[in-house]
Protein backbone atom coordinates (compact mmCIF):
# COMPACT_ATOMS: atom_id res chain seq x y z
CA MET A 1 53.06 80.50 249.97
CA PRO A 2 53.48 78.29 253.09
CA VAL A 3 50.40 77.35 255.12
CA TYR A 4 50.76 77.64 258.92
CA GLU A 5 48.41 75.87 261.31
CA TYR A 6 47.78 77.72 264.56
CA ARG A 7 45.87 77.50 267.83
CA VAL A 8 44.67 80.69 269.53
CA ARG A 9 42.47 81.71 272.43
CA ASP A 10 39.80 84.37 271.91
CA ARG A 11 38.60 86.97 274.42
CA GLY A 12 36.15 84.51 275.91
CA GLY A 13 38.89 81.95 276.54
CA LYS A 14 37.74 79.60 273.77
CA VAL A 15 40.55 77.78 271.92
CA LEU A 16 40.32 78.02 268.13
CA THR A 17 42.31 76.09 265.54
CA SER A 18 42.77 77.23 261.95
CA THR A 19 45.34 77.84 259.21
CA MET A 20 46.78 80.84 257.44
CA GLU A 21 48.92 81.44 254.37
CA ALA A 22 51.91 83.64 255.20
CA GLU A 23 55.53 84.20 254.24
CA SER A 24 56.84 83.66 257.78
CA PRO A 25 55.71 82.77 261.33
CA ALA A 26 56.21 86.42 262.28
CA GLN A 27 53.61 87.46 259.72
CA VAL A 28 51.13 84.95 261.18
CA ARG A 29 51.88 86.21 264.70
CA ASP A 30 51.33 89.84 263.71
CA ALA A 31 48.03 89.01 261.94
CA LEU A 32 46.68 87.11 264.94
CA ARG A 33 47.69 89.78 267.42
CA ALA A 34 46.00 92.40 265.26
CA LYS A 35 42.75 90.45 265.85
CA ASN A 36 43.34 90.51 269.63
CA LEU A 37 43.82 86.75 269.79
CA THR A 38 46.14 85.06 272.29
CA ILE A 39 48.54 82.73 270.47
CA VAL A 40 48.77 79.21 271.90
CA GLU A 41 50.77 77.52 269.14
CA ILE A 42 51.94 78.14 265.57
CA LYS A 43 52.96 74.99 263.72
CA PRO A 44 55.53 75.20 260.90
CA PRO A 45 54.30 74.38 257.37
CA LYS A 46 54.52 70.81 256.11
CA THR A 47 57.62 70.08 254.05
CA GLY A 48 59.25 67.15 252.32
CA MET A 49 57.31 63.86 252.45
CA ASN A 50 54.72 65.39 254.79
CA ALA A 51 53.75 68.12 252.36
CA ASP A 52 50.58 67.78 250.33
CA ILE A 53 51.29 66.71 246.75
CA LYS A 54 49.96 69.22 244.26
CA ILE A 55 49.41 68.30 240.63
CA PRO A 56 49.00 71.42 238.45
CA GLY A 57 45.61 71.49 236.75
CA LEU A 58 44.24 68.73 239.01
CA THR A 59 44.71 69.42 242.71
CA ASP A 60 44.78 73.20 242.19
CA ARG A 61 41.72 73.15 239.91
CA PRO A 62 39.10 75.66 241.11
CA PRO A 63 35.80 74.07 242.23
CA ASN A 64 33.15 73.78 239.53
CA MET A 65 29.50 74.78 239.74
CA LYS A 66 28.39 71.30 240.82
CA GLU A 67 30.78 71.31 243.79
CA VAL A 68 29.68 74.82 244.77
CA ALA A 69 26.01 73.76 244.54
CA ILE A 70 26.66 70.79 246.85
CA PHE A 71 28.51 73.10 249.26
CA SER A 72 25.57 75.55 249.27
CA LYS A 73 23.04 72.79 249.93
CA GLN A 74 25.08 71.27 252.76
CA LEU A 75 25.84 74.63 254.38
CA ALA A 76 22.14 75.56 254.25
CA THR A 77 21.21 72.24 255.90
CA LEU A 78 23.76 72.69 258.70
CA ILE A 79 22.77 76.30 259.42
CA ASN A 80 19.06 75.37 259.36
CA ALA A 81 19.84 72.63 261.90
CA GLY A 82 21.27 75.24 264.26
CA VAL A 83 24.98 74.48 263.73
CA PRO A 84 27.10 77.68 264.06
CA ILE A 85 28.52 78.87 260.77
CA VAL A 86 32.18 78.42 261.81
CA GLN A 87 31.52 74.84 262.88
CA SER A 88 29.55 74.25 259.68
CA LEU A 89 32.48 75.44 257.58
CA THR A 90 34.83 73.19 259.56
CA ILE A 91 32.63 70.15 258.91
CA LEU A 92 32.34 70.90 255.19
CA GLN A 93 36.07 71.55 254.89
CA LYS A 94 36.83 68.07 256.19
CA GLN A 95 34.28 66.49 253.83
CA MET A 96 35.48 68.14 250.63
CA GLU A 97 37.42 65.86 248.28
CA SER A 98 38.96 68.77 246.39
CA LYS A 99 42.18 69.99 248.02
CA ALA A 100 41.68 73.38 246.39
CA PHE A 101 38.17 73.70 247.86
CA GLN A 102 39.49 72.60 251.26
CA GLY A 103 42.05 75.40 251.17
CA ILE A 104 39.40 77.95 250.19
CA LEU A 105 37.06 76.86 252.99
CA ARG A 106 39.97 76.90 255.45
CA ASP A 107 40.65 80.53 254.54
CA ILE A 108 36.96 81.46 254.70
CA ARG A 109 36.54 79.79 258.08
CA GLY A 110 39.59 81.57 259.48
CA GLN A 111 38.30 84.97 258.43
CA VAL A 112 34.77 84.29 259.66
CA GLU A 113 36.26 83.29 263.03
CA GLY A 114 37.93 86.68 263.11
CA GLY A 115 34.59 88.46 262.65
CA THR A 116 34.55 89.04 258.88
CA PRO A 117 31.08 88.61 257.29
CA LEU A 118 30.72 85.48 255.17
CA SER A 119 29.85 87.45 252.03
CA ASP A 120 33.05 89.50 252.31
CA THR A 121 35.20 86.38 252.63
CA LEU A 122 33.46 84.80 249.62
CA ALA A 123 34.20 87.94 247.58
CA GLN A 124 37.92 87.19 247.97
CA HIS A 125 37.46 84.06 245.83
CA PRO A 126 35.77 85.39 242.65
CA LYS A 127 36.81 82.36 240.57
CA VAL A 128 34.67 80.14 242.81
CA PHE A 129 31.88 82.41 244.05
CA ASP A 130 30.53 84.78 241.42
CA ARG A 131 28.86 88.12 241.96
CA LEU A 132 25.42 86.52 241.99
CA PHE A 133 26.39 84.14 244.80
CA ILE A 134 28.05 86.85 246.89
CA ASN A 135 25.16 89.32 246.64
CA LEU A 136 22.61 86.66 247.52
CA VAL A 137 24.62 85.63 250.59
CA ARG A 138 24.92 89.29 251.61
CA ALA A 139 21.16 89.70 251.26
CA GLY A 140 20.64 86.57 253.36
CA GLU A 141 22.97 87.86 256.08
CA THR A 142 21.15 91.21 256.17
CA SER A 143 17.68 89.65 256.37
CA GLY A 144 18.66 86.82 258.70
CA THR A 145 17.57 84.18 256.16
CA LEU A 146 20.97 82.86 255.14
CA ASP A 147 19.89 79.22 255.26
CA SER A 148 16.92 79.74 252.94
CA VAL A 149 19.00 81.90 250.57
CA LEU A 150 21.69 79.22 250.37
CA GLU A 151 18.98 76.66 249.64
CA ARG A 152 17.70 78.84 246.79
CA ILE A 153 21.23 79.25 245.45
CA ALA A 154 21.73 75.48 245.43
CA ASP A 155 18.40 74.92 243.64
CA PHE A 156 19.27 77.63 241.13
CA GLN A 157 22.69 76.13 240.42
CA GLU A 158 21.23 72.64 240.03
CA LYS A 159 18.70 73.93 237.49
CA GLN A 160 21.43 75.89 235.72
CA LEU A 161 23.57 72.74 235.54
CA ALA A 162 20.61 70.82 234.15
CA LEU A 163 20.05 73.54 231.55
CA ASN A 164 23.72 73.54 230.54
CA GLY A 165 23.59 69.74 230.34
CA LYS A 166 20.69 69.92 227.90
CA ILE A 167 22.58 72.32 225.66
CA LYS A 168 25.69 70.12 225.74
CA SER A 169 23.65 67.04 224.90
CA ALA A 170 22.14 68.88 221.94
CA LEU A 171 25.57 69.88 220.63
CA THR A 172 27.54 66.73 221.46
CA TYR A 173 25.83 64.40 218.98
CA PRO A 174 26.21 66.61 215.88
CA ALA A 175 29.78 67.45 216.89
CA ILE A 176 30.73 63.77 217.11
CA VAL A 177 29.01 62.96 213.82
CA LEU A 178 30.68 65.93 212.13
CA VAL A 179 34.14 64.88 213.35
CA PHE A 180 33.64 61.33 212.08
CA ALA A 181 32.28 62.66 208.78
CA ILE A 182 35.38 64.80 208.30
CA ILE A 183 37.70 61.89 209.18
CA ILE A 184 35.90 59.49 206.82
CA THR A 185 35.78 62.03 204.01
CA TYR A 186 39.46 62.84 204.40
CA GLY A 187 40.35 59.15 204.46
CA LEU A 188 38.40 58.46 201.27
CA ILE A 189 39.76 61.46 199.41
CA ALA A 190 43.36 61.24 200.64
CA PHE A 191 43.88 57.46 200.45
CA VAL A 192 41.17 55.79 198.33
CA VAL A 193 40.91 58.34 195.51
CA PRO A 194 44.68 58.28 194.68
CA THR A 195 44.47 54.51 194.13
CA PHE A 196 41.73 54.98 191.57
CA ALA A 197 43.46 58.05 190.12
CA SER A 198 46.50 56.00 189.11
CA MET A 199 44.16 53.66 187.24
CA LEU A 200 42.30 56.52 185.58
CA ASP A 201 45.50 58.11 184.28
CA SER A 202 45.58 55.45 181.57
CA VAL A 203 42.04 56.20 180.47
CA GLN A 204 41.97 57.95 177.12
CA GLY A 205 39.70 60.91 176.67
CA LYS A 206 38.41 63.59 178.90
CA LEU A 207 37.40 62.65 182.44
CA PRO A 208 34.01 63.76 183.85
CA VAL A 209 34.00 67.12 185.60
CA ILE A 210 33.07 65.56 188.94
CA THR A 211 36.05 63.19 188.67
CA GLN A 212 38.43 66.04 187.86
CA MET A 213 37.16 68.02 190.84
CA VAL A 214 37.53 65.13 193.30
CA MET A 215 41.03 64.31 192.00
CA ALA A 216 42.06 67.96 192.33
CA LEU A 217 40.67 68.04 195.87
CA SER A 218 42.55 64.83 196.70
CA TYR A 219 45.81 66.30 195.42
CA PHE A 220 45.23 69.49 197.43
CA LEU A 221 44.47 67.66 200.69
CA ARG A 222 47.50 65.37 200.34
CA HIS A 223 49.97 68.14 199.54
CA ALA A 224 48.58 71.05 201.56
CA LEU A 225 47.68 69.36 204.85
CA LEU A 226 50.19 71.40 206.85
CA GLY A 227 48.92 74.62 205.30
CA ILE A 228 45.33 73.65 206.12
CA ILE A 229 46.24 73.01 209.76
CA VAL A 230 48.12 76.32 210.02
CA ALA A 231 45.26 78.21 208.35
CA THR A 232 42.71 76.58 210.70
CA ILE A 233 44.73 77.56 213.78
CA ALA A 234 45.14 81.10 212.43
CA LEU A 235 41.38 81.36 211.82
CA ILE A 236 40.65 80.19 215.38
CA PHE A 237 42.99 82.81 216.84
CA ALA A 238 41.57 85.49 214.53
CA TYR A 239 38.04 84.60 215.60
CA ARG A 240 38.95 84.76 219.29
CA TRP A 241 40.63 88.12 218.80
CA TYR A 242 37.65 89.48 216.86
CA TYR A 243 35.19 88.16 219.45
CA ARG A 244 37.04 90.03 222.21
CA THR A 245 36.31 93.34 220.48
CA PRO A 246 32.94 94.98 221.31
CA VAL A 247 31.90 95.14 217.64
CA GLY A 248 32.96 91.57 216.96
CA ARG A 249 31.23 90.16 220.03
CA ARG A 250 28.00 91.95 219.22
CA MET A 251 28.05 90.79 215.59
CA VAL A 252 28.82 87.16 216.47
CA ASP A 253 26.24 87.02 219.28
CA ALA A 254 23.59 88.54 217.01
CA LEU A 255 24.42 85.93 214.37
CA LYS A 256 24.08 83.14 216.94
CA LEU A 257 20.49 84.19 217.60
CA ARG A 258 19.66 83.96 213.87
CA VAL A 259 21.32 80.62 213.07
CA PRO A 260 18.73 78.06 211.90
CA LEU A 261 17.94 75.30 214.41
CA PHE A 262 20.40 76.63 217.03
CA GLY A 263 19.15 80.25 217.16
CA PRO A 264 15.72 79.47 218.71
CA LEU A 265 17.39 77.20 221.27
CA ILE A 266 19.83 79.95 222.29
CA LYS A 267 16.94 82.44 222.65
CA LYS A 268 14.91 80.11 224.85
CA THR A 269 17.95 79.32 226.97
CA SER A 270 18.67 83.04 227.41
CA VAL A 271 15.08 83.78 228.46
CA ALA A 272 15.04 80.87 230.96
CA SER A 273 18.39 81.93 232.45
CA PHE A 274 17.32 85.60 232.69
CA ALA A 275 14.01 84.81 234.37
CA ARG A 276 15.49 82.38 236.89
CA THR A 277 18.48 84.59 237.82
CA PHE A 278 16.50 87.84 238.02
CA GLY A 279 13.66 86.20 239.94
CA LEU A 280 16.05 84.63 242.45
CA LEU A 281 17.73 87.96 243.16
CA ILE A 282 14.46 89.84 243.67
CA ASN A 283 13.01 87.07 245.82
CA SER A 284 16.13 87.17 248.01
CA GLY A 285 15.79 90.89 248.73
CA VAL A 286 18.29 92.39 246.28
CA ASN A 287 17.05 95.71 244.85
CA ILE A 288 15.86 95.66 241.24
CA ILE A 289 18.67 97.85 239.83
CA GLU A 290 21.40 95.70 241.38
CA SER A 291 19.51 92.57 240.32
CA LEU A 292 19.43 93.69 236.69
CA GLU A 293 23.13 94.59 236.80
CA ILE A 294 24.06 91.16 238.19
CA THR A 295 21.74 89.36 235.75
CA LYS A 296 23.37 91.21 232.87
CA GLY A 297 26.73 89.81 233.94
CA THR A 298 25.42 86.25 233.62
CA ALA A 299 23.83 86.65 230.18
CA ASN A 300 26.83 85.52 228.06
CA ASN A 301 25.36 87.24 225.00
CA ALA A 302 25.95 90.84 223.95
CA ILE A 303 22.41 91.31 222.59
CA VAL A 304 20.80 90.02 225.79
CA GLU A 305 23.16 92.19 227.85
CA GLU A 306 22.12 95.27 225.86
CA THR A 307 18.46 94.42 226.45
CA ILE A 308 18.98 94.09 230.20
CA GLU A 309 21.03 97.30 230.33
CA ASN A 310 18.23 99.17 228.53
CA ALA A 311 15.70 97.71 230.97
CA LYS A 312 17.83 98.89 233.90
CA ASN A 313 18.05 102.41 232.47
CA VAL A 314 14.27 102.49 232.01
CA VAL A 315 13.67 101.38 235.62
CA MET A 316 16.12 104.03 236.89
CA VAL A 317 13.95 106.79 235.40
CA GLY A 318 10.80 105.32 236.96
CA GLU A 319 9.27 103.50 233.99
CA GLN A 320 8.24 99.86 233.71
CA MET A 321 10.84 97.35 232.63
CA SER A 322 8.39 95.51 230.36
CA SER A 323 8.23 98.49 227.99
CA SER A 324 11.95 98.09 227.30
CA LEU A 325 11.84 94.29 226.97
CA ALA A 326 9.10 94.65 224.34
CA THR A 327 11.59 96.23 221.92
CA SER A 328 14.03 93.31 222.19
CA PRO A 329 14.24 90.56 219.55
CA VAL A 330 15.05 88.04 222.30
CA PHE A 331 12.04 88.32 224.60
CA PRO A 332 8.73 87.17 223.05
CA PRO A 333 5.40 88.92 223.75
CA MET A 334 4.33 86.25 226.26
CA VAL A 335 7.35 86.96 228.46
CA VAL A 336 6.83 90.71 228.19
CA SER A 337 3.19 90.29 229.21
CA MET A 338 4.12 88.12 232.21
CA VAL A 339 6.69 90.69 233.35
CA ALA A 340 4.18 93.52 232.91
CA ILE A 341 1.61 91.65 235.03
CA GLY A 342 4.26 91.03 237.69
CA GLU A 343 5.15 94.71 237.79
CA GLU A 344 1.49 95.75 238.07
CA THR A 345 0.61 93.25 240.80
CA GLY A 346 3.88 93.40 242.75
CA SER A 347 4.55 89.70 242.14
CA LEU A 348 7.41 90.01 239.67
CA ASP A 349 9.49 87.23 241.27
CA THR A 350 6.55 84.79 241.04
CA MET A 351 5.92 85.62 237.39
CA LEU A 352 9.60 85.27 236.56
CA GLY A 353 9.62 81.84 238.22
CA LYS A 354 6.69 80.76 236.03
CA VAL A 355 8.48 82.08 232.93
CA ALA A 356 11.62 80.17 233.88
CA ASP A 357 9.68 76.92 234.41
CA PHE A 358 7.86 77.35 231.10
CA TYR A 359 11.05 78.00 229.15
CA ASP A 360 12.82 75.11 230.84
CA ARG A 361 10.19 72.89 229.22
CA GLU A 362 10.60 74.80 225.96
CA VAL A 363 14.35 74.12 226.06
CA ASP A 364 13.66 70.40 226.61
CA GLU A 365 11.41 70.32 223.55
CA ALA A 366 13.88 72.38 221.51
CA VAL A 367 16.73 70.02 222.38
CA GLU A 368 14.68 66.99 221.37
CA GLY A 369 13.61 68.68 218.13
CA LEU A 370 17.18 69.77 217.36
CA THR A 371 18.55 66.27 217.91
CA ALA A 372 15.78 64.77 215.79
CA ALA A 373 16.43 67.25 212.97
CA ILE A 374 20.21 67.06 212.97
CA GLU A 375 20.44 63.25 212.83
CA PRO A 376 18.91 62.81 209.34
CA ILE A 377 20.66 65.95 208.06
CA MET A 378 24.09 64.63 209.07
CA ILE A 379 23.34 61.18 207.62
CA VAL A 380 22.21 62.71 204.31
CA LEU A 381 25.29 64.95 204.13
CA LEU A 382 27.69 62.10 204.87
CA GLY A 383 25.88 59.85 202.41
CA GLY A 384 26.02 62.59 199.78
CA VAL A 385 29.79 63.00 200.19
CA VAL A 386 30.35 59.24 199.82
CA LEU A 387 28.05 59.16 196.78
CA VAL A 388 29.96 61.97 195.07
CA ILE A 389 33.27 60.17 195.60
CA ILE A 390 31.88 56.87 194.30
CA LEU A 391 30.43 58.54 191.20
CA ALA A 392 33.67 60.41 190.57
CA MET A 393 35.66 57.15 190.61
CA PHE A 394 33.29 54.80 188.84
CA LEU A 395 31.86 57.00 186.08
CA PRO A 396 35.11 56.93 184.06
CA MET A 397 35.40 53.16 184.56
CA ILE A 398 31.82 52.61 183.39
CA SER A 399 32.50 54.82 180.37
CA LEU A 400 35.66 52.83 179.62
CA MET A 401 33.81 49.51 179.91
CA ASN A 402 31.12 50.74 177.54
CA THR A 403 33.80 51.79 175.06
CA LEU A 404 35.53 48.41 175.20
CA MET A 405 32.28 46.50 174.74
CA LYS A 406 31.44 48.32 171.52
């Protein structure tokens, strides 16, 4: 849709400049008049060589969490310095490198100029600003503490990015090693084994079982590669379909929590994320029921979501949330005790912050332990595969040499 730049004069005589997406100049004119603005100028959209070049998947890419965190921090700083919100949005719009983010801020600024609350304009861009962000901003607008709320959002997002980075670092190393192990194993079996197999065909007598198995595997991989690729793609699609079903998602997410090495890390990450998100919402003035509902939407695990939903139902009937968390396999007794103390003393947000800090350290230690454990396991597995192939090829040759020397 074309973007029109316009200049208008408000009721106080102040000249405002902004942009609007519309199908025609008449649509822009009608929208501005509906806001009781006097039109000074409406510029036609840029075309031809003057138009902005858009590369699909690059220039139209929605802003990521890091960019949103930087935006939150900068907006909080400007508002805290006394800069009006419209002017703050104008400054940030000009500073953004992302064309997509510039367009979003342009739209937000235009609506805020027209009197729409910031939280309502953010809600029109759900791919960029999630429900957590929008509700926190709304709470900040209501309480008059928008700058401090935005600062908390930025800190929260930075810690969430750090947490996600730790998980990625824990998974990247074994993934790379596994890929190389598969490539090396396939190369040995598909290209090295056939060379030896042609030599072993002349060997009289029965070949060792391990040699027969490796040769059969080599033949299968060389002649069924296309079928393996098709079957792998089909399994991936089947898994995605199954995971979209409620039963499938619950079963897979429950299995993730029980996987050796990775299960404890996922649990600790879930607890840290729950405590930080829930604590931030309560500390910002969002009521506990709404806070639990929003936190549930950020859990990314069906079992954790069920636990939070049960806790919300318990709170709605007037009971303590800790009694519900105690029945969950995800939340350990220490966390339940901290939550119970917070509920009794009225300092739930403080206790949740301490839980989040503690489990951030636990995640650090779990990542280090996981990396330390996976490295020797992967080396042993790769070494074992190579050893099996070597034995399969050289055992018949050793047997043949022994026969010839007799």
